[in-house]
Protein backbone atom coordinates (compact mmCIF):
# COMPACT_ATOMS: atom_id res chain seq x y z
CA UNK A 1 -0.03 -0.04 0.18
CA UNK A 2 1.68 3.31 -1.04
CA UNK A 3 1.13 6.78 -0.26
CA UNK A 4 -1.07 8.61 -1.93
CA UNK A 5 -0.53 12.05 -0.12
CA UNK A 6 3.36 13.07 0.25
CA UNK A 7 4.80 16.50 1.78
CA UNK A 8 8.23 16.72 2.39
CA UNK A 9 9.86 19.82 3.91
CA UNK A 10 6.86 22.39 3.01
CA UNK A 11 7.45 25.83 3.83
CA UNK A 12 5.14 28.89 3.61
CA UNK A 13 5.49 32.37 4.91
CA UNK A 14 3.08 35.40 5.28
CA UNK A 15 5.72 38.13 5.34
CA UNK A 16 7.44 37.48 8.80
CA UNK A 17 4.89 34.90 9.76
CA UNK A 18 5.70 31.18 9.13
CA UNK A 19 2.80 29.12 8.67
CA UNK A 20 4.48 26.02 7.35
CA UNK A 21 8.14 25.35 8.84
CA UNK A 22 9.54 22.07 7.12
CA UNK A 23 6.14 20.22 7.18
CA UNK A 24 6.73 16.44 6.55
CA UNK A 25 3.55 14.08 5.98
CA UNK A 26 2.63 10.64 4.53
CA UNK A 27 -0.70 9.26 4.10
CA UNK A 28 -1.21 5.84 2.90
CA UNK A 29 -4.03 4.82 0.14
CA UNK A 30 -7.34 4.21 1.71
CA UNK A 31 -6.66 5.25 5.17
CA UNK A 32 -7.45 8.52 7.28
CA UNK A 33 -4.88 10.98 8.63
CA UNK A 34 -6.05 13.58 11.17
CA UNK A 35 -4.27 17.00 11.47
CA UNK A 36 -4.53 18.11 14.84
CA UNK A 37 -2.95 21.53 16.11
CA UNK A 38 -4.04 24.75 17.74
CA UNK A 39 -5.37 27.70 15.92
CA UNK A 40 -2.60 28.98 13.80
CA UNK A 41 -0.55 25.80 13.80
CA UNK A 42 -0.67 25.65 9.76
CA UNK A 43 -3.53 23.21 9.27
CA UNK A 44 -5.41 24.77 7.05
CA UNK A 45 -2.42 26.41 4.88
CA UNK A 46 -0.99 22.49 4.71
CA UNK A 47 -4.51 21.74 3.11
CA UNK A 48 -4.54 24.73 0.75
CA UNK A 49 -0.89 23.57 -0.51
CA UNK A 50 -1.73 20.10 -0.96
CA UNK A 51 -5.12 20.94 -2.92
CA UNK A 52 -3.24 23.48 -5.05
CA UNK A 53 -4.75 26.47 -3.89
CA UNK A 54 -1.89 27.97 -2.63
CA UNK A 55 1.98 27.60 -3.85
CA UNK A 56 4.43 26.61 -1.29
CA UNK A 57 7.80 28.63 -0.88
CA UNK A 58 9.87 25.56 -0.29
CA UNK A 59 9.58 21.97 -0.19
CA UNK A 60 7.68 19.37 -2.47
CA UNK A 61 4.25 17.70 -2.25
CA UNK A 62 2.47 15.03 -4.20
CA UNK A 63 -1.20 13.71 -4.29
CA UNK A 64 -2.23 10.72 -6.05
CA UNK A 65 0.91 10.43 -7.79
CA UNK A 66 0.96 14.13 -9.11
CA UNK A 67 3.04 17.03 -8.15
CA UNK A 68 0.94 19.65 -6.74
CA UNK A 69 2.94 22.43 -8.27
CA UNK A 70 3.65 21.25 -11.65
CA UNK A 71 0.60 18.77 -12.19
CA UNK A 72 -2.06 21.07 -10.65
CA UNK A 73 -4.54 21.12 -13.16
CA UNK A 74 -4.81 17.27 -13.47
CA UNK A 75 -4.48 16.82 -9.89
CA UNK A 76 -7.77 18.81 -9.32
CA UNK A 77 -9.71 16.60 -11.14
CA UNK A 78 -8.96 13.54 -8.66
CA UNK A 79 -9.63 15.42 -5.20
CA UNK A 80 -12.41 16.73 -3.16
CA UNK A 81 -12.07 19.62 -0.88
CA UNK A 82 -14.71 20.57 1.50
CA UNK A 83 -13.19 23.76 3.77
CA UNK A 84 -14.26 25.32 7.03
CA UNK A 85 -16.85 27.13 5.25
CA UNK A 86 -19.47 25.87 3.20
CA UNK A 87 -18.39 26.97 -0.40
CA UNK A 88 -22.47 26.78 -1.83
CA UNK A 89 -24.19 29.26 -3.92
CA UNK A 90 -27.17 30.63 -1.67
CA UNK A 91 -28.93 31.71 -4.95
CA UNK A 92 -29.17 28.27 -6.30
CA UNK A 93 -31.13 25.16 -4.96
CA UNK A 94 -29.01 22.40 -3.52
CA UNK A 95 -29.97 20.29 -6.76
CA UNK A 96 -28.79 23.20 -8.95
CA UNK A 97 -25.28 23.82 -6.85
CA UNK A 98 -24.54 19.81 -7.28
CA UNK A 99 -25.41 19.79 -10.83
CA UNK A 100 -23.59 22.79 -11.60
CA UNK A 101 -20.20 21.00 -9.84
CA UNK A 102 -20.84 17.90 -11.87
CA UNK A 103 -20.87 20.18 -15.24
CA UNK A 104 -17.56 21.48 -14.02
CA UNK A 105 -16.35 17.92 -13.59
CA UNK A 106 -17.48 17.34 -17.32
CA UNK A 107 -19.78 14.82 -16.11
CA UNK A 108 -22.24 15.25 -18.60
CA UNK A 109 -26.01 16.56 -18.43
CA UNK A 110 -27.51 13.45 -17.39
CA UNK A 111 -24.76 12.12 -15.09
CA UNK A 112 -24.38 15.52 -13.42
CA UNK A 113 -28.34 15.48 -12.61
CA UNK A 114 -27.90 12.02 -11.47
CA UNK A 115 -25.44 12.39 -9.10
CA UNK A 116 -26.75 15.58 -7.87
CA UNK A 117 -29.54 13.59 -6.65
CA UNK A 118 -27.72 10.60 -5.58
CA UNK A 119 -26.03 12.95 -3.03
CA UNK A 120 -29.14 14.62 -2.03
CA UNK A 121 -30.54 11.78 -0.85
CA UNK A 122 -27.16 10.11 0.51
CA UNK A 123 -27.05 13.45 2.77
CA UNK A 124 -31.02 13.67 3.73
CA UNK A 125 -31.37 16.61 1.75
CA UNK A 126 -33.76 15.47 -0.60
CA UNK A 127 -36.77 17.44 0.56
CA UNK A 128 -34.71 20.74 0.60
CA UNK A 129 -32.85 19.99 -2.66
CA UNK A 130 -35.34 22.15 -4.85
CA UNK A 131 -35.27 24.80 -2.48
CA UNK A 132 -32.46 28.02 -2.46
CA UNK A 133 -29.58 27.38 -0.40
CA UNK A 134 -29.98 30.76 1.48
CA UNK A 135 -32.59 29.30 3.53
CA UNK A 136 -30.71 26.11 4.48
CA UNK A 137 -29.59 25.76 8.34
CA UNK A 138 -25.62 25.85 8.87
CA UNK A 139 -25.73 22.04 9.20
CA UNK A 140 -27.37 21.61 5.66
CA UNK A 141 -25.02 23.75 4.03
CA UNK A 142 -22.34 21.77 5.55
CA UNK A 143 -23.63 18.61 4.41
CA UNK A 144 -24.26 19.91 1.06
CA UNK A 145 -21.04 21.48 0.55
CA UNK A 146 -19.54 17.79 1.48
CA UNK A 147 -21.85 16.32 -0.94
CA UNK A 148 -20.28 18.63 -3.59
CA UNK A 149 -16.95 17.44 -2.58
CA UNK A 150 -18.13 14.35 -3.48
CA UNK A 151 -19.68 14.93 -6.68
CA UNK A 152 -16.78 13.19 -9.10
CA UNK A 153 -16.42 10.50 -6.68
CA UNK A 154 -12.69 11.55 -5.83
CA UNK A 155 -10.21 8.99 -4.65
CA UNK A 156 -8.60 11.51 -2.37
CA UNK A 157 -10.52 13.84 0.02
CA UNK A 158 -9.68 16.88 2.18
CA UNK A 159 -11.95 18.16 4.84
CA UNK A 160 -10.88 21.11 6.63
CA UNK A 161 -12.65 21.18 10.36
CA UNK A 162 -15.59 19.73 8.53
CA UNK A 163 -17.88 19.54 11.66
CA UNK A 164 -17.25 22.90 13.23
CA UNK A 165 -20.01 24.88 14.27
CA UNK A 166 -22.51 21.66 13.79
CA UNK A 167 -24.66 20.45 16.73
CA UNK A 168 -23.80 17.06 18.11
CA UNK A 169 -26.61 15.16 16.13
CA UNK A 170 -25.53 16.56 12.79
CA UNK A 171 -21.78 15.93 13.85
CA UNK A 172 -22.25 12.29 14.48
CA UNK A 173 -24.11 11.95 10.94
CA UNK A 174 -21.44 13.50 9.31
CA UNK A 175 -18.87 10.97 11.00
CA UNK A 176 -21.07 8.40 9.86
CA UNK A 177 -20.98 9.52 6.10
CA UNK A 178 -17.12 9.99 6.47
CA UNK A 179 -16.76 6.51 7.68
CA UNK A 180 -18.80 4.95 5.00
CA UNK A 181 -16.38 7.18 2.46
CA UNK A 182 -13.14 5.59 4.07
CA UNK A 183 -14.73 2.28 4.28
CA UNK A 184 -15.12 2.27 0.26
CA UNK A 185 -11.53 3.08 -0.12
CA UNK A 186 -11.36 6.78 -0.36
CA UNK A 187 -8.05 8.29 1.08
CA UNK A 188 -8.86 11.11 3.61
CA UNK A 189 -6.86 14.01 5.27
CA UNK A 190 -8.82 15.57 7.94
CA UNK A 191 -8.31 18.65 9.68
CA UNK A 192 -9.87 18.85 13.16
CA UNK A 193 -9.97 20.87 16.62
CA UNK A 194 -12.17 18.18 18.10
CA UNK A 195 -10.27 15.54 19.74
CA UNK A 196 -13.05 12.88 19.85
CA UNK A 197 -13.18 13.47 16.10
CA UNK A 198 -9.71 12.67 15.61
CA UNK A 199 -9.80 9.92 18.09
CA UNK A 200 -12.81 7.97 16.35
CA UNK A 201 -12.08 8.64 12.45
CA UNK A 202 -8.26 8.95 12.03
CA UNK A 203 -5.94 5.96 11.53
CA UNK A 204 -3.19 7.93 12.35
CA UNK A 205 -2.90 11.46 13.94
CA UNK A 206 -0.21 14.39 12.95
CA UNK A 207 -0.06 16.61 15.62
CA UNK A 208 0.91 19.89 14.26
CA UNK A 209 2.38 22.92 16.17
CA UNK A 210 4.11 26.21 14.51
CA UNK A 211 4.28 24.86 11.19
CA UNK A 212 5.49 21.30 11.63
CA UNK A 213 4.75 17.90 12.75
CA UNK A 214 5.76 17.55 16.33
CA UNK A 215 4.05 13.85 17.15
CA UNK A 216 2.72 11.35 14.75
CA UNK A 217 0.82 8.07 15.65
CA UNK A 218 -2.16 6.18 16.13
CA UNK A 219 -4.55 7.70 19.04
CA UNK A 220 -3.07 4.94 21.21
CA UNK A 221 0.19 5.49 20.66
CA UNK A 222 0.03 9.46 21.35
CA UNK A 223 -1.61 8.50 24.56
CA UNK A 224 1.10 6.17 25.73
CA UNK A 225 3.87 8.85 24.79
CA UNK A 226 2.28 10.99 27.52
CA UNK A 227 2.52 8.08 29.89
CA UNK A 228 0.43 5.65 31.89
CA UNK A 229 -2.86 6.00 33.83
CA UNK A 230 -4.37 8.80 35.85
CA UNK A 231 -6.04 8.61 39.24
CA UNK A 232 -8.58 11.27 39.61
CA UNK A 233 -9.96 12.54 42.65
CA UNK A 234 -12.63 15.03 43.84
CA UNK A 235 -11.83 15.72 47.70
CA UNK A 236 -14.43 17.53 50.20
CA UNK A 237 -11.99 20.27 51.19
CA UNK A 238 -8.62 21.86 50.97
CA UNK A 239 -7.12 20.19 53.86
CA UNK A 240 -8.32 16.69 52.59
CA UNK A 241 -6.92 17.76 49.19
CA UNK A 242 -3.36 18.52 50.73
CA UNK A 243 -3.66 15.27 53.08
CA UNK A 244 -4.38 13.02 49.99
CA UNK A 245 -1.66 14.49 47.84
CA UNK A 246 0.76 13.42 50.67
CA UNK A 247 -0.66 10.01 51.04
CA UNK A 248 -0.60 9.15 47.38
CA UNK A 249 2.78 10.60 46.52
CA UNK A 250 4.67 7.31 46.98
CA UNK A 251 2.18 5.79 44.21
CA UNK A 252 2.90 8.47 41.78
CA UNK A 253 4.85 7.78 38.69
CA UNK A 254 5.02 11.68 38.14
CA UNK A 255 3.92 14.76 39.41
CA UNK A 256 1.04 15.07 41.54
CA UNK A 257 -1.29 17.90 40.11
CA UNK A 258 -3.50 19.52 42.69
CA UNK A 259 -6.43 22.02 41.81
CA UNK A 260 -6.94 24.16 44.60
CA UNK A 261 -9.87 25.89 43.70
CA UNK A 262 -12.03 22.33 43.24
CA UNK A 263 -10.23 20.29 45.52
CA UNK A 264 -9.36 17.92 42.77
CA UNK A 265 -6.27 15.41 42.38
CA UNK A 266 -4.58 14.28 39.46
CA UNK A 267 -2.26 11.50 40.32
CA UNK A 268 -0.16 9.83 37.26
CA UNK A 269 0.11 5.86 38.32
CA UNK A 270 0.94 2.63 37.08
CA UNK A 271 -0.54 -0.73 38.03
CA UNK A 272 -4.31 -0.59 36.99
CA UNK A 273 -6.66 -1.65 39.36
CA UNK A 274 -4.39 -2.60 42.12
CA UNK A 275 -3.14 0.92 42.41
CA UNK A 276 -6.65 2.20 42.93
CA UNK A 277 -7.44 -0.12 45.72
CA UNK A 278 -4.12 0.66 47.34
CA UNK A 279 -4.92 4.39 47.02
CA UNK A 280 -8.45 3.95 48.62
CA UNK A 281 -6.71 2.22 51.47
CA UNK A 282 -4.16 4.88 52.30
CA UNK A 283 -6.72 7.58 52.04
CA UNK A 284 -9.16 5.57 54.39
CA UNK A 285 -6.21 5.19 56.80
CA UNK A 286 -6.07 9.07 56.64
CA UNK A 287 -9.79 9.85 57.41
CA UNK A 288 -9.93 11.63 53.90
CA UNK A 289 -13.43 12.18 52.71
CA UNK A 290 -13.18 11.61 48.93
CA UNK A 291 -16.06 12.85 47.14
CA UNK A 292 -15.10 10.60 43.82
CA UNK A 293 -12.39 8.83 42.61
CA UNK A 294 -11.67 7.08 38.95
CA UNK A 295 -8.54 5.89 37.08
CA UNK A 296 -8.46 6.19 33.29
CA UNK A 297 -5.99 6.14 30.51
CA UNK A 298 -4.75 9.59 28.88
CA UNK A 299 -7.11 11.25 26.66
CA UNK A 300 -6.18 12.99 23.38
CA UNK A 301 -6.67 16.36 25.35
CA UNK A 302 -3.74 15.12 27.46
CA UNK A 303 -1.93 14.50 24.58
CA UNK A 304 -2.49 17.84 22.72
CA UNK A 305 -1.61 19.88 26.26
CA UNK A 306 1.46 17.85 26.98
CA UNK A 307 2.89 18.37 23.36
CA UNK A 308 1.61 21.85 22.61
CA UNK A 309 1.51 23.40 26.21
CA UNK A 310 -2.40 24.40 25.29
CA UNK A 311 -5.47 23.12 25.80
CA UNK A 312 -7.75 21.80 23.16
CA UNK A 313 -10.76 24.02 23.52
CA UNK A 314 -9.89 26.56 20.74
CA UNK A 315 -11.40 29.73 20.22
CA UNK A 316 -13.35 29.27 16.93
CA UNK A 317 -13.50 32.79 16.34
CA UNK A 318 -9.78 32.59 15.37
CA UNK A 319 -8.60 31.84 12.07
CA UNK A 320 -6.27 28.94 11.22
CA UNK A 321 -3.37 29.57 9.01
């Protein structure tokens, strides 16, 4: 299985701002690569370069065996792109938008119309298909935009934060559609700020910060990089939290983190359920009042914070570069 998307040392500058700083990336055929990173990390710039919308200042990249710089025109017929903002014509109906895209791809009048109806049905837009898009909700526009990216049935698909701004139900529906596409053999590069989305959809995840890949692997591999398990405790008082911190320090394999405002403790441990039992025994011996205690693996949130020094809850009003 060869790589369908390859980037080597991509560099892109906007004046004094370096958006891509030697980005390297490989996406094997039929897999999903998730690009995860804070706003301004370079995710969208990478997508624009790989989809021929932007020319890099340095490095090279190929998609579907075609050079993004020298074979851009041919490449555009083999890829689909759905961006952060739905690129649909509000004055046209949903059907007319998809039919127009089919004509632009030279599918012919009959096939363009057939394909438009197929996609309206697939994205649950049949009833709205003959209404102007200006009356669509945000979720409907996003689904129509993704449908537009699929009109020519491209073997390679780029989705730039496809579910940002969607309600939870619409997001789940979009995830199902994306999973179906990948099951059918589509190669997908997905940028997202939703950690759950990356965890669920991506075969591999590249964490990007300041224009370069700082970590790469499956979700489990990235979690293992952060290390082991966590004991999470909620205590009744600040005094209980202080006592618990001292009592549990010998069990910790790293620094015990105490949130003084909420009286919560985070204790990195190793040993699974046995260490949980020992922790409860030690706290009982100290007469510490425990409101809640649990053992969990690291999440992608932990990975994100450990690698970038920033939490994953990003301000959607900020643009990405």
